[in-house]
Amino acid sequence: MILQEAKWQLDAYFEGKRKTFNLPFHFECSDFQKEIYASLLNVPYGTTLSYKELATLAGNPNASRAVGTAMAHNPLPLFVPCHRVLKSDGSLGEYSGGKGVRSKQWLIDHEKAMKH
């Protein structure tokens, strides 16, 4: 049942009809990572922010490197949209989902195109 719902939500996301996911996520990770992922879920569709900005949102403004580590360990990189997090200079950085940085750029472009 949950996999069918996830598929439906993913299909709607790729069609531009869904901007958030509503699934019961449960992560086996540190409290810090949970806070980062929860903050990331509040980053609006079609927008990006820096690792430092995400650290600040999560209440740890000096933890941008730790945010990068949390992004690298994100078990659901599309559902918890770490593709929206960029380096402070605006460059893409890394991405663990799909085909790496190419997938990250595609997801950013997709969201910007479907945002309106």
C-alpha atoms as a PDB file:
ATOM      1  CA  MET A   1       0.000   0.000   0.000  1.00  0.00           C
ATOM      2  CA  ILE A   2       2.730   2.517   0.945  1.00  0.00           C
ATOM      3  CA  LEU A   3       4.695   1.718  -2.209  1.00  0.00           C
ATOM      4  CA  GLN A   4       1.631   2.323  -4.373  1.00  0.00           C
ATOM      5  CA  GLU A   5       1.099   5.678  -2.652  1.00  0.00           C
ATOM      6  CA  ALA A   6       4.776   6.580  -3.119  1.00  0.00           C
ATOM      7  CA  LYS A   7       4.551   5.710  -6.833  1.00  0.00           C
ATOM      8  CA  TRP A   8       1.384   7.793  -7.234  1.00  0.00           C
ATOM      9  CA  GLN A   9       3.023  10.758  -5.514  1.00  0.00           C
ATOM     10  CA  LEU A  10       6.204  10.417  -7.590  1.00  0.00           C
ATOM     11  CA  ASP A  11       4.211  10.258 -10.824  1.00  0.00           C
ATOM     12  CA  ALA A  12       2.312  13.400  -9.817  1.00  0.00           C
ATOM     13  CA  TYR A  13       5.598  15.129  -8.887  1.00  0.00           C
ATOM     14  CA  PHE A  14       7.161  14.389 -12.275  1.00  0.00           C
ATOM     15  CA  GLU A  15       3.988  15.569 -14.026  1.00  0.00           C
ATOM     16  CA  GLY A  16       4.243  18.855 -12.127  1.00  0.00           C
ATOM     17  CA  LYS A  17       0.987  18.209 -10.264  1.00  0.00           C
ATOM     18  CA  ARG A  18       2.500  17.640  -6.823  1.00  0.00           C
ATOM     19  CA  LYS A  19       4.989  19.824  -5.005  1.00  0.00           C
ATOM     20  CA  THR A  20       5.328  17.954  -1.705  1.00  0.00           C
ATOM     21  CA  PHE A  21       5.244  14.355  -0.581  1.00  0.00           C
ATOM     22  CA  ASN A  22       2.955  13.110   2.135  1.00  0.00           C
ATOM     23  CA  LEU A  23       4.399   9.789   3.250  1.00  0.00           C
ATOM     24  CA  PRO A  24       5.174   8.388   6.708  1.00  0.00           C
ATOM     25  CA  PHE A  25       8.960   8.797   6.759  1.00  0.00           C
ATOM     26  CA  HIS A  26      10.943   7.076   9.484  1.00  0.00           C
ATOM     27  CA  PHE A  27      14.706   7.540   9.460  1.00  0.00           C
ATOM     28  CA  GLU A  28      17.292   5.624  11.432  1.00  0.00           C
ATOM     29  CA  CYS A  29      19.618   8.567  11.967  1.00  0.00           C
ATOM     30  CA  SER A  30      20.872  11.070  14.514  1.00  0.00           C
ATOM     31  CA  ASP A  31      18.650  13.729  16.050  1.00  0.00           C
ATOM     32  CA  PHE A  32      20.680  16.354  14.175  1.00  0.00           C
ATOM     33  CA  GLN A  33      19.993  14.634  10.846  1.00  0.00           C
ATOM     34  CA  LYS A  34      16.280  14.379  11.686  1.00  0.00           C
ATOM     35  CA  GLU A  35      16.227  18.124  12.386  1.00  0.00           C
ATOM     36  CA  ILE A  36      17.991  18.859   9.103  1.00  0.00           C
ATOM     37  CA  TYR A  37      15.613  16.624   7.128  1.00  0.00           C
ATOM     38  CA  ALA A  38      12.575  18.173   8.831  1.00  0.00           C
ATOM     39  CA  SER A  39      13.851  21.661   7.970  1.00  0.00           C
ATOM     40  CA  LEU A  40      14.557  20.595   4.409  1.00  0.00           C
ATOM     41  CA  LEU A  41      10.978  19.395   3.996  1.00  0.00           C
ATOM     42  CA  ASN A  42       9.932  23.021   4.573  1.00  0.00           C
ATOM     43  CA  VAL A  43      12.021  24.395   1.702  1.00  0.00           C
ATOM     44  CA  PRO A  44       9.509  25.410  -0.966  1.00  0.00           C
ATOM     45  CA  TYR A  45       9.263  23.565  -4.257  1.00  0.00           C
ATOM     46  CA  GLY A  46      11.278  25.230  -7.000  1.00  0.00           C
ATOM     47  CA  THR A  47      13.617  27.086  -4.658  1.00  0.00           C
ATOM     48  CA  THR A  48      17.155  26.447  -3.513  1.00  0.00           C
ATOM     49  CA  LEU A  49      19.198  27.433  -0.510  1.00  0.00           C
ATOM     50  CA  SER A  50      22.754  26.971   0.707  1.00  0.00           C
ATOM     51  CA  TYR A  51      24.015  24.429   3.212  1.00  0.00           C
ATOM     52  CA  LYS A  52      24.569  27.350   5.624  1.00  0.00           C
ATOM     53  CA  GLU A  53      21.011  28.615   5.135  1.00  0.00           C
ATOM     54  CA  LEU A  54      19.652  25.136   5.843  1.00  0.00           C
ATOM     55  CA  ALA A  55      21.842  24.889   8.947  1.00  0.00           C
ATOM     56  CA  THR A  56      20.399  28.222  10.111  1.00  0.00           C
ATOM     57  CA  LEU A  57      16.822  27.031   9.450  1.00  0.00           C
ATOM     58  CA  ALA A  58      17.555  23.989  11.590  1.00  0.00           C
ATOM     59  CA  GLY A  59      18.856  26.200  14.404  1.00  0.00           C
ATOM     60  CA  ASN A  60      22.562  25.414  13.906  1.00  0.00           C
ATOM     61  CA  PRO A  61      23.999  28.287  11.814  1.00  0.00           C
ATOM     62  CA  ASN A  62      27.593  27.095  12.154  1.00  0.00           C
ATOM     63  CA  ALA A  63      26.872  23.508  11.068  1.00  0.00           C
ATOM     64  CA  SER A  64      26.965  23.839   7.279  1.00  0.00           C
ATOM     65  CA  ARG A  65      29.561  21.061   6.915  1.00  0.00           C
ATOM     66  CA  ALA A  66      27.457  18.750   9.074  1.00  0.00           C
ATOM     67  CA  VAL A  67      24.458  19.605   6.884  1.00  0.00           C
ATOM     68  CA  GLY A  68      26.484  18.442   3.887  1.00  0.00           C
ATOM     69  CA  THR A  69      27.181  15.174   5.665  1.00  0.00           C
ATOM     70  CA  ALA A  70      23.482  14.777   6.485  1.00  0.00           C
ATOM     71  CA  MET A  71      22.618  15.392   2.814  1.00  0.00           C
ATOM     72  CA  ALA A  72      25.128  12.714   1.774  1.00  0.00           C
ATOM     73  CA  HIS A  73      23.397  10.229   4.085  1.00  0.00           C
ATOM     74  CA  ASN A  74      19.829  11.150   3.109  1.00  0.00           C
ATOM     75  CA  PRO A  75      18.162   7.748   2.525  1.00  0.00           C
ATOM     76  CA  LEU A  76      15.384   9.232   0.358  1.00  0.00           C
ATOM     77  CA  PRO A  77      17.035  12.028  -1.665  1.00  0.00           C
ATOM     78  CA  LEU A  78      14.011  12.804  -3.826  1.00  0.00           C
ATOM     79  CA  PHE A  79      11.336  12.611  -1.130  1.00  0.00           C
ATOM     80  CA  VAL A  80      13.499  14.673   1.229  1.00  0.00           C
ATOM     81  CA  PRO A  81      14.633  17.132  -1.451  1.00  0.00           C
ATOM     82  CA  CYS A  82      18.345  17.552  -0.858  1.00  0.00           C
ATOM     83  CA  HIS A  83      18.691  18.547  -4.527  1.00  0.00           C
ATOM     84  CA  ARG A  84      17.475  21.974  -3.364  1.00  0.00           C
ATOM     85  CA  VAL A  85      20.624  22.524  -1.285  1.00  0.00           C
ATOM     86  CA  LEU A  86      23.559  24.246  -3.005  1.00  0.00           C
ATOM     87  CA  LYS A  87      27.043  25.345  -2.054  1.00  0.00           C
ATOM     88  CA  SER A  88      27.378  28.923  -0.802  1.00  0.00           C
ATOM     89  CA  ASP A  89      28.763  30.019  -4.179  1.00  0.00           C
ATOM     90  CA  GLY A  90      25.620  28.717  -5.912  1.00  0.00           C
ATOM     91  CA  SER A  91      27.307  25.689  -7.449  1.00  0.00           C
ATOM     92  CA  LEU A  92      25.644  22.298  -7.214  1.00  0.00           C
ATOM     93  CA  GLY A  93      27.996  20.418  -4.929  1.00  0.00           C
ATOM     94  CA  GLU A  94      27.317  16.693  -4.711  1.00  0.00           C
ATOM     95  CA  TYR A  95      24.175  14.578  -5.072  1.00  0.00           C
ATOM     96  CA  SER A  96      23.696  10.942  -4.147  1.00  0.00           C
ATOM     97  CA  GLY A  97      20.500  10.289  -6.107  1.00  0.00           C
ATOM     98  CA  GLY A  98      20.100   9.018  -9.653  1.00  0.00           C
ATOM     99  CA  LYS A  99      23.033   9.988 -11.839  1.00  0.00           C
ATOM    100  CA  GLY A 100      24.609  12.313  -9.324  1.00  0.00           C
ATOM    101  CA  VAL A 101      25.006  15.998 -10.132  1.00  0.00           C
ATOM    102  CA  ARG A 102      23.261  15.624 -13.523  1.00  0.00           C
ATOM    103  CA  SER A 103      20.156  14.382 -11.696  1.00  0.00           C
ATOM    104  CA  LYS A 104      20.402  17.243  -9.209  1.00  0.00           C
ATOM    105  CA  GLN A 105      20.498  19.831 -12.003  1.00  0.00           C
ATOM    106  CA  TRP A 106      17.608  18.121 -13.786  1.00  0.00           C
ATOM    107  CA  LEU A 107      15.458  18.164 -10.623  1.00  0.00           C
ATOM    108  CA  ILE A 108      16.208  21.850  -9.988  1.00  0.00           C
ATOM    109  CA  ASP A 109      15.342  22.709 -13.597  1.00  0.00           C
ATOM    110  CA  HIS A 110      12.198  20.538 -13.475  1.00  0.00           C
ATOM    111  CA  GLU A 111      10.916  22.268 -10.350  1.00  0.00           C
ATOM    112  CA  LYS A 112      11.633  25.739 -11.708  1.00  0.00           C
ATOM    113  CA  ALA A 113       9.818  24.907 -14.950  1.00  0.00           C
ATOM    114  CA  MET A 114       6.800  23.422 -13.128  1.00  0.00           C
ATOM    115  CA  LYS A 115       6.693  25.998 -10.338  1.00  0.00           C
ATOM    116  CA  HIS A 116       4.100  28.223 -12.017  1.00  0.00           C
END
